[in-house]
Protein backbone atom coordinates (compact mmCIF):
# COMPACT_ATOMS: atom_id res chain seq x y z
CA UNK A 1 0.00 0.00 0.00
CA UNK A 2 1.56 3.23 -1.09
CA UNK A 3 1.43 6.60 0.60
CA UNK A 4 -0.96 7.82 -2.08
CA UNK A 5 -3.43 5.07 -1.16
CA UNK A 6 -3.26 5.99 2.52
CA UNK A 7 -3.98 9.64 1.75
CA UNK A 8 -6.83 8.62 -0.52
CA UNK A 9 -8.38 6.54 2.28
CA UNK A 10 -8.00 9.39 4.76
CA UNK A 11 -9.64 11.86 2.39
CA UNK A 12 -12.47 9.52 1.44
CA UNK A 13 -13.29 8.46 5.01
CA UNK A 14 -13.11 12.00 6.38
CA UNK A 15 -15.37 13.20 3.56
CA UNK A 16 -17.81 10.40 4.29
CA UNK A 17 -17.73 11.25 8.00
CA UNK A 18 -18.46 14.90 7.31
CA UNK A 19 -21.31 13.91 5.02
CA UNK A 20 -22.87 11.69 7.69
CA UNK A 21 -22.41 14.40 10.31
CA UNK A 22 -24.06 17.00 8.08
CA UNK A 23 -26.99 14.62 7.47
CA UNK A 24 -27.48 14.30 11.23
CA UNK A 25 -27.31 18.08 11.69
CA UNK A 26 -29.78 18.69 8.87
CA UNK A 27 -32.13 16.01 10.23
CA UNK A 28 -31.97 17.48 13.71
CA UNK A 29 -32.67 20.96 12.38
CA UNK A 30 -35.62 19.60 10.40
CA UNK A 31 -37.10 17.84 13.45
CA UNK A 32 -36.55 20.95 15.59
CA UNK A 33 -38.21 23.10 12.91
CA UNK A 34 -41.19 20.74 12.73
CA UNK A 35 -41.65 20.74 16.52
CA UNK A 36 -41.06 24.42 17.20
CA UNK A 37 -42.15 25.98 13.92
CA UNK A 38 -39.09 28.22 13.67
CA UNK A 39 -35.35 27.80 13.62
CA UNK A 40 -34.36 30.83 15.69
CA UNK A 41 -35.96 32.40 18.75
CA UNK A 42 -35.43 36.11 19.13
CA UNK A 43 -35.58 37.95 22.43
CA UNK A 44 -38.92 39.48 21.42
CA UNK A 45 -40.47 36.02 21.04
CA UNK A 46 -39.58 34.77 24.49
CA UNK A 47 -42.38 34.92 27.04
CA UNK A 48 -42.19 37.58 29.69
CA UNK A 49 -41.50 36.03 33.06
CA UNK A 50 -42.21 37.51 36.42
CA UNK A 51 -39.20 38.95 38.21
CA UNK A 52 -37.36 36.57 40.52
CA UNK A 53 -38.85 36.33 43.97
CA UNK A 54 -36.82 36.69 47.14
CA UNK A 55 -36.45 33.50 49.16
CA UNK A 56 -38.40 33.42 52.42
CA UNK A 57 -36.63 34.90 55.39
CA UNK A 58 -35.11 32.48 57.84
CA UNK A 59 -36.86 32.39 61.19
CA UNK A 60 -35.95 30.72 64.44
CA UNK A 61 -38.16 27.75 63.56
CA UNK A 62 -36.13 27.00 60.40
CA UNK A 63 -32.92 26.33 62.29
CA UNK A 64 -32.23 22.85 63.62
CA UNK A 65 -32.02 22.58 67.36
CA UNK A 66 -30.72 19.65 69.39
CA UNK A 67 -34.30 18.84 70.38
CA UNK A 68 -35.77 19.04 66.87
CA UNK A 69 -34.72 15.47 65.96
PDB file of N, CA and C in Angstrom:
ATOM      1  N   UNK A   1       0.860  -1.169   0.000  1.00  0.00           N
ATOM      2  CA  UNK A   1       0.000   0.000   0.000  1.00  0.00           C
ATOM      3  C   UNK A   1       0.908   1.234   0.000  1.00  0.00           C
ATOM      4  N   UNK A   2       0.694   2.063  -0.968  1.00  0.00           N
ATOM      5  CA  UNK A   2       1.558   3.233  -1.085  1.00  0.00           C
ATOM      6  C   UNK A   2       1.020   4.397  -0.259  1.00  0.00           C
ATOM      7  N   UNK A   3       1.832   5.425  -0.172  1.00  0.00           N
ATOM      8  CA  UNK A   3       1.432   6.599   0.600  1.00  0.00           C
ATOM      9  C   UNK A   3       0.241   7.290  -0.054  1.00  0.00           C
ATOM     10  N   UNK A   4       0.172   7.226  -1.373  1.00  0.00           N
ATOM     11  CA  UNK A   4      -0.957   7.824  -2.078  1.00  0.00           C
ATOM     12  C   UNK A   4      -2.264   7.137  -1.692  1.00  0.00           C
ATOM     13  N   UNK A   5      -2.225   5.809  -1.559  1.00  0.00           N
ATOM     14  CA  UNK A   5      -3.429   5.069  -1.165  1.00  0.00           C
ATOM     15  C   UNK A   5      -3.875   5.451   0.239  1.00  0.00           C
ATOM     16  N   UNK A   6      -2.922   5.620   1.150  1.00  0.00           N
ATOM     17  CA  UNK A   6      -3.263   5.993   2.521  1.00  0.00           C
ATOM     18  C   UNK A   6      -3.928   7.361   2.534  1.00  0.00           C
ATOM     19  N   UNK A   7      -3.382   8.298   1.801  1.00  0.00           N
ATOM     20  CA  UNK A   7      -3.977   9.637   1.745  1.00  0.00           C
ATOM     21  C   UNK A   7      -5.363   9.596   1.117  1.00  0.00           C
ATOM     22  N   UNK A   8      -5.521   8.740   0.124  1.00  0.00           N
ATOM     23  CA  UNK A   8      -6.829   8.623  -0.519  1.00  0.00           C
ATOM     24  C   UNK A   8      -7.857   8.064   0.461  1.00  0.00           C
ATOM     25  N   UNK A   9      -7.467   7.076   1.268  1.00  0.00           N
ATOM     26  CA  UNK A   9      -8.377   6.537   2.284  1.00  0.00           C
ATOM     27  C   UNK A   9      -8.732   7.596   3.323  1.00  0.00           C
ATOM     28  N   UNK A  10      -7.737   8.356   3.762  1.00  0.00           N
ATOM     29  CA  UNK A  10      -7.996   9.394   4.762  1.00  0.00           C
ATOM     30  C   UNK A  10      -8.975  10.422   4.215  1.00  0.00           C
ATOM     31  N   UNK A  11      -8.759  10.857   2.993  1.00  0.00           N
ATOM     32  CA  UNK A  11      -9.643  11.861   2.392  1.00  0.00           C
ATOM     33  C   UNK A  11     -11.042  11.296   2.194  1.00  0.00           C
ATOM     34  N   UNK A  12     -11.145  10.079   1.720  1.00  0.00           N
ATOM     35  CA  UNK A  12     -12.468   9.518   1.442  1.00  0.00           C
ATOM     36  C   UNK A  12     -13.247   9.265   2.731  1.00  0.00           C
ATOM     37  N   UNK A  13     -12.576   8.732   3.762  1.00  0.00           N
ATOM     38  CA  UNK A  13     -13.288   8.461   5.014  1.00  0.00           C
ATOM     39  C   UNK A  13     -13.636   9.743   5.761  1.00  0.00           C
ATOM     40  N   UNK A  14     -12.769  10.742   5.720  1.00  0.00           N
ATOM     41  CA  UNK A  14     -13.110  12.003   6.380  1.00  0.00           C
ATOM     42  C   UNK A  14     -14.246  12.705   5.641  1.00  0.00           C
ATOM     43  N   UNK A  15     -14.262  12.615   4.317  1.00  0.00           N
ATOM     44  CA  UNK A  15     -15.367  13.197   3.555  1.00  0.00           C
ATOM     45  C   UNK A  15     -16.672  12.476   3.867  1.00  0.00           C
ATOM     46  N   UNK A  16     -16.615  11.161   3.956  1.00  0.00           N
ATOM     47  CA  UNK A  16     -17.813  10.397   4.286  1.00  0.00           C
ATOM     48  C   UNK A  16     -18.289  10.726   5.706  1.00  0.00           C
ATOM     49  N   UNK A  17     -17.360  10.882   6.635  1.00  0.00           N
ATOM     50  CA  UNK A  17     -17.727  11.246   8.001  1.00  0.00           C
ATOM     51  C   UNK A  17     -18.387  12.607   8.069  1.00  0.00           C
ATOM     52  N   UNK A  18     -17.845  13.575   7.340  1.00  0.00           N
ATOM     53  CA  UNK A  18     -18.463  14.905   7.313  1.00  0.00           C
ATOM     54  C   UNK A  18     -19.845  14.865   6.669  1.00  0.00           C
ATOM     55  N   UNK A  19     -20.006  14.042   5.656  1.00  0.00           N
ATOM     56  CA  UNK A  19     -21.315  13.914   5.019  1.00  0.00           C
ATOM     57  C   UNK A  19     -22.334  13.334   5.989  1.00  0.00           C
ATOM     58  N   UNK A  20     -21.957  12.297   6.712  1.00  0.00           N
ATOM     59  CA  UNK A  20     -22.870  11.688   7.685  1.00  0.00           C
ATOM     60  C   UNK A  20     -23.188  12.674   8.801  1.00  0.00           C
ATOM     61  N   UNK A  21     -22.183  13.404   9.273  1.00  0.00           N
ATOM     62  CA  UNK A  21     -22.413  14.403  10.315  1.00  0.00           C
ATOM     63  C   UNK A  21     -23.354  15.499   9.832  1.00  0.00           C
ATOM     64  N   UNK A  22     -23.185  15.951   8.607  1.00  0.00           N
ATOM     65  CA  UNK A  22     -24.064  16.997   8.080  1.00  0.00           C
ATOM     66  C   UNK A  22     -25.484  16.482   7.896  1.00  0.00           C
ATOM     67  N   UNK A  23     -25.644  15.198   7.578  1.00  0.00           N
ATOM     68  CA  UNK A  23     -26.988  14.625   7.470  1.00  0.00           C
ATOM     69  C   UNK A  23     -27.662  14.619   8.834  1.00  0.00           C
ATOM     70  N   UNK A  24     -26.913  14.263   9.886  1.00  0.00           N
ATOM     71  CA  UNK A  24     -27.484  14.297  11.235  1.00  0.00           C
ATOM     72  C   UNK A  24     -27.860  15.718  11.646  1.00  0.00           C
ATOM     73  N   UNK A  25     -27.017  16.687  11.336  1.00  0.00           N
ATOM     74  CA  UNK A  25     -27.309  18.078  11.694  1.00  0.00           C
ATOM     75  C   UNK A  25     -28.536  18.568  10.940  1.00  0.00           C
ATOM     76  N   UNK A  26     -28.628  18.260   9.657  1.00  0.00           N
ATOM     77  CA  UNK A  26     -29.783  18.686   8.873  1.00  0.00           C
ATOM     78  C   UNK A  26     -31.049  17.994   9.363  1.00  0.00           C
ATOM     79  N   UNK A  27     -30.961  16.723   9.702  1.00  0.00           N
ATOM     80  CA  UNK A  27     -32.129  16.012  10.226  1.00  0.00           C
ATOM     81  C   UNK A  27     -32.571  16.565  11.565  1.00  0.00           C
ATOM     82  N   UNK A  28     -31.623  16.882  12.430  1.00  0.00           N
ATOM     83  CA  UNK A  28     -31.968  17.480  13.713  1.00  0.00           C
ATOM     84  C   UNK A  28     -32.599  18.846  13.553  1.00  0.00           C
ATOM     85  N   UNK A  29     -32.079  19.647  12.628  1.00  0.00           N
ATOM     86  CA  UNK A  29     -32.671  20.962  12.376  1.00  0.00           C
ATOM     87  C   UNK A  29     -34.080  20.817  11.816  1.00  0.00           C
ATOM     88  N   UNK A  30     -34.289  19.823  10.960  1.00  0.00           N
ATOM     89  CA  UNK A  30     -35.624  19.602  10.397  1.00  0.00           C
ATOM     90  C   UNK A  30     -36.617  19.194  11.481  1.00  0.00           C
ATOM     91  N   UNK A  31     -36.214  18.275  12.364  1.00  0.00           N
ATOM     92  CA  UNK A  31     -37.098  17.844  13.452  1.00  0.00           C
ATOM     93  C   UNK A  31     -37.381  19.004  14.391  1.00  0.00           C
ATOM     94  N   UNK A  32     -36.351  19.787  14.711  1.00  0.00           N
ATOM     95  CA  UNK A  32     -36.546  20.947  15.585  1.00  0.00           C
ATOM     96  C   UNK A  32     -37.492  21.950  14.938  1.00  0.00           C
ATOM     97  N   UNK A  33     -37.341  22.164  13.624  1.00  0.00           N
ATOM     98  CA  UNK A  33     -38.213  23.101  12.914  1.00  0.00           C
ATOM     99  C   UNK A  33     -39.652  22.599  12.912  1.00  0.00           C
ATOM    100  N   UNK A  34     -39.834  21.293  12.737  1.00  0.00           N
ATOM    101  CA  UNK A  34     -41.189  20.737  12.728  1.00  0.00           C
ATOM    102  C   UNK A  34     -41.844  20.855  14.100  1.00  0.00           C
ATOM    103  N   UNK A  35     -41.075  20.665  15.173  1.00  0.00           N
ATOM    104  CA  UNK A  35     -41.650  20.739  16.517  1.00  0.00           C
ATOM    105  C   UNK A  35     -41.913  22.171  16.948  1.00  0.00           C
ATOM    106  N   UNK A  36     -40.969  23.064  16.669  1.00  0.00           N
ATOM    107  CA  UNK A  36     -41.059  24.422  17.202  1.00  0.00           C
ATOM    108  C   UNK A  36     -41.621  25.413  16.194  1.00  0.00           C
ATOM    109  N   UNK A  37     -41.598  25.099  14.935  1.00  0.00           N
ATOM    110  CA  UNK A  37     -42.150  25.985  13.925  1.00  0.00           C
ATOM    111  C   UNK A  37     -41.204  27.078  13.482  1.00  0.00           C
ATOM    112  N   UNK A  38     -40.068  27.217  14.091  1.00  0.00           N
ATOM    113  CA  UNK A  38     -39.095  28.221  13.667  1.00  0.00           C
ATOM    114  C   UNK A  38     -37.707  27.756  14.087  1.00  0.00           C
ATOM    115  N   UNK A  39     -36.715  28.238  13.361  1.00  0.00           N
ATOM    116  CA  UNK A  39     -35.355  27.798  13.624  1.00  0.00           C
ATOM    117  C   UNK A  39     -34.657  28.665  14.660  1.00  0.00           C
ATOM    118  N   UNK A  40     -35.018  29.934  14.743  1.00  0.00           N
ATOM    119  CA  UNK A  40     -34.359  30.831  15.690  1.00  0.00           C
ATOM    120  C   UNK A  40     -35.407  31.490  16.569  1.00  0.00           C
ATOM    121  N   UNK A  41     -35.060  31.733  17.810  1.00  0.00           N
ATOM    122  CA  UNK A  41     -35.962  32.396  18.749  1.00  0.00           C
ATOM    123  C   UNK A  41     -35.313  33.714  19.125  1.00  0.00           C
ATOM    124  N   UNK A  42     -35.981  34.801  18.781  1.00  0.00           N
ATOM    125  CA  UNK A  42     -35.432  36.106  19.134  1.00  0.00           C
ATOM    126  C   UNK A  42     -35.855  36.472  20.544  1.00  0.00           C
ATOM    127  N   UNK A  43     -35.261  37.516  21.069  1.00  0.00           N
ATOM    128  CA  UNK A  43     -35.582  37.945  22.432  1.00  0.00           C
ATOM    129  C   UNK A  43     -37.018  38.450  22.516  1.00  0.00           C
ATOM    130  N   UNK A  44     -37.547  38.969  21.412  1.00  0.00           N
ATOM    131  CA  UNK A  44     -38.916  39.480  21.421  1.00  0.00           C
ATOM    132  C   UNK A  44     -39.938  38.346  21.479  1.00  0.00           C
ATOM    133  N   UNK A  45     -39.537  37.143  21.058  1.00  0.00           N
ATOM    134  CA  UNK A  45     -40.473  36.019  21.037  1.00  0.00           C
ATOM    135  C   UNK A  45     -40.532  35.268  22.360  1.00  0.00           C
ATOM    136  N   UNK A  46     -39.586  35.507  23.233  1.00  0.00           N
ATOM    137  CA  UNK A  46     -39.582  34.774  24.493  1.00  0.00           C
ATOM    138  C   UNK A  46     -40.668  35.310  25.411  1.00  0.00           C
ATOM    139  N   UNK A  47     -41.321  34.445  26.155  1.00  0.00           N
ATOM    140  CA  UNK A  47     -42.383  34.920  27.044  1.00  0.00           C
ATOM    141  C   UNK A  47     -41.814  35.760  28.176  1.00  0.00           C
ATOM    142  N   UNK A  48     -42.601  36.711  28.600  1.00  0.00           N
ATOM    143  CA  UNK A  48     -42.185  37.583  29.693  1.00  0.00           C
ATOM    144  C   UNK A  48     -42.422  36.848  31.000  1.00  0.00           C
ATOM    145  N   UNK A  49     -41.389  36.730  31.777  1.00  0.00           N
ATOM    146  CA  UNK A  49     -41.497  36.030  33.058  1.00  0.00           C
ATOM    147  C   UNK A  49     -41.579  37.055  34.175  1.00  0.00           C
ATOM    148  N   UNK A  50     -42.152  36.626  35.265  1.00  0.00           N
ATOM    149  CA  UNK A  50     -42.208  37.509  36.421  1.00  0.00           C
ATOM    150  C   UNK A  50     -40.806  37.657  36.998  1.00  0.00           C
ATOM    151  N   UNK A  51     -40.536  38.771  37.646  1.00  0.00           N
ATOM    152  CA  UNK A  51     -39.196  38.950  38.207  1.00  0.00           C
ATOM    153  C   UNK A  51     -38.917  37.910  39.282  1.00  0.00           C
ATOM    154  N   UNK A  52     -37.675  37.591  39.512  1.00  0.00           N
ATOM    155  CA  UNK A  52     -37.362  36.571  40.516  1.00  0.00           C
ATOM    156  C   UNK A  52     -37.820  37.007  41.905  1.00  0.00           C
ATOM    157  N   UNK A  53     -38.343  36.054  42.625  1.00  0.00           N
ATOM    158  CA  UNK A  53     -38.848  36.333  43.965  1.00  0.00           C
ATOM    159  C   UNK A  53     -37.737  36.106  44.982  1.00  0.00           C
ATOM    160  N   UNK A  54     -37.794  36.873  46.064  1.00  0.00           N
ATOM    161  CA  UNK A  54     -36.824  36.693  47.138  1.00  0.00           C
ATOM    162  C   UNK A  54     -37.163  35.411  47.897  1.00  0.00           C
ATOM    163  N   UNK A  55     -36.164  34.693  48.353  1.00  0.00           N
ATOM    164  CA  UNK A  55     -36.454  33.502  49.156  1.00  0.00           C
ATOM    165  C   UNK A  55     -37.040  33.921  50.503  1.00  0.00           C
ATOM    166  N   UNK A  56     -37.805  33.058  51.129  1.00  0.00           N
ATOM    167  CA  UNK A  56     -38.397  33.420  52.419  1.00  0.00           C
ATOM    168  C   UNK A  56     -37.310  33.659  53.459  1.00  0.00           C
ATOM    169  N   UNK A  57     -37.595  34.575  54.340  1.00  0.00           N
ATOM    170  CA  UNK A  57     -36.625  34.903  55.388  1.00  0.00           C
ATOM    171  C   UNK A  57     -36.521  33.756  56.382  1.00  0.00           C
ATOM    172  N   UNK A  58     -35.330  33.536  56.859  1.00  0.00           N
ATOM    173  CA  UNK A  58     -35.111  32.481  57.844  1.00  0.00           C
ATOM    174  C   UNK A  58     -35.619  32.946  59.196  1.00  0.00           C
ATOM    175  N   UNK A  59     -36.364  32.091  59.851  1.00  0.00           N
ATOM    176  CA  UNK A  59     -36.861  32.392  61.192  1.00  0.00           C
ATOM    177  C   UNK A  59     -36.241  31.407  62.172  1.00  0.00           C
ATOM    178  N   UNK A  60     -36.520  31.603  63.420  1.00  0.00           N
ATOM    179  CA  UNK A  60     -35.955  30.723  64.440  1.00  0.00           C
ATOM    180  C   UNK A  60     -36.442  29.292  64.266  1.00  0.00           C
ATOM    181  N   UNK A  61     -37.630  29.104  63.706  1.00  0.00           N
ATOM    182  CA  UNK A  61     -38.156  27.748  63.557  1.00  0.00           C
ATOM    183  C   UNK A  61     -37.483  26.991  62.415  1.00  0.00           C
ATOM    184  N   UNK A  62     -36.775  27.693  61.516  1.00  0.00           N
ATOM    185  CA  UNK A  62     -36.132  27.002  60.400  1.00  0.00           C
ATOM    186  C   UNK A  62     -34.785  26.422  60.783  1.00  0.00           C
ATOM    187  N   UNK A  63     -34.215  26.849  61.869  1.00  0.00           N
ATOM    188  CA  UNK A  63     -32.918  26.333  62.287  1.00  0.00           C
ATOM    189  C   UNK A  63     -33.091  25.044  63.085  1.00  0.00           C
ATOM    190  N   UNK A  64     -32.176  24.116  62.888  1.00  0.00           N
ATOM    191  CA  UNK A  64     -32.234  22.854  63.621  1.00  0.00           C
ATOM    192  C   UNK A  64     -31.732  23.078  65.043  1.00  0.00           C
ATOM    193  N   UNK A  65     -32.432  22.521  65.958  1.00  0.00           N
ATOM    194  CA  UNK A  65     -32.018  22.584  67.363  1.00  0.00           C
ATOM    195  C   UNK A  65     -31.709  21.166  67.829  1.00  0.00           C
ATOM    196  N   UNK A  66     -31.010  21.016  68.917  1.00  0.00           N
ATOM    197  CA  UNK A  66     -30.718  19.651  69.393  1.00  0.00           C
ATOM    198  C   UNK A  66     -31.978  18.860  69.710  1.00  0.00           C
ATOM    199  N   UNK A  67     -33.070  19.538  70.017  1.00  0.00           N
ATOM    200  CA  UNK A  67     -34.300  18.843  70.383  1.00  0.00           C
ATOM    201  C   UNK A  67     -35.248  18.660  69.200  1.00  0.00           C
ATOM    202  N   UNK A  68     -34.845  19.131  68.005  1.00  0.00           N
ATOM    203  CA  UNK A  68     -35.766  19.039  66.870  1.00  0.00           C
ATOM    204  C   UNK A  68     -35.720  17.679  66.196  1.00  0.00           C
ATOM    205  N   UNK A  69     -34.803  16.795  66.587  1.00  0.00           N
ATOM    206  CA  UNK A  69     -34.723  15.472  65.964  1.00  0.00           C
ATOM    207  C   UNK A  69     -35.469  14.514  66.770  1.00  0.00           C
TER     208      UNK A  69
END
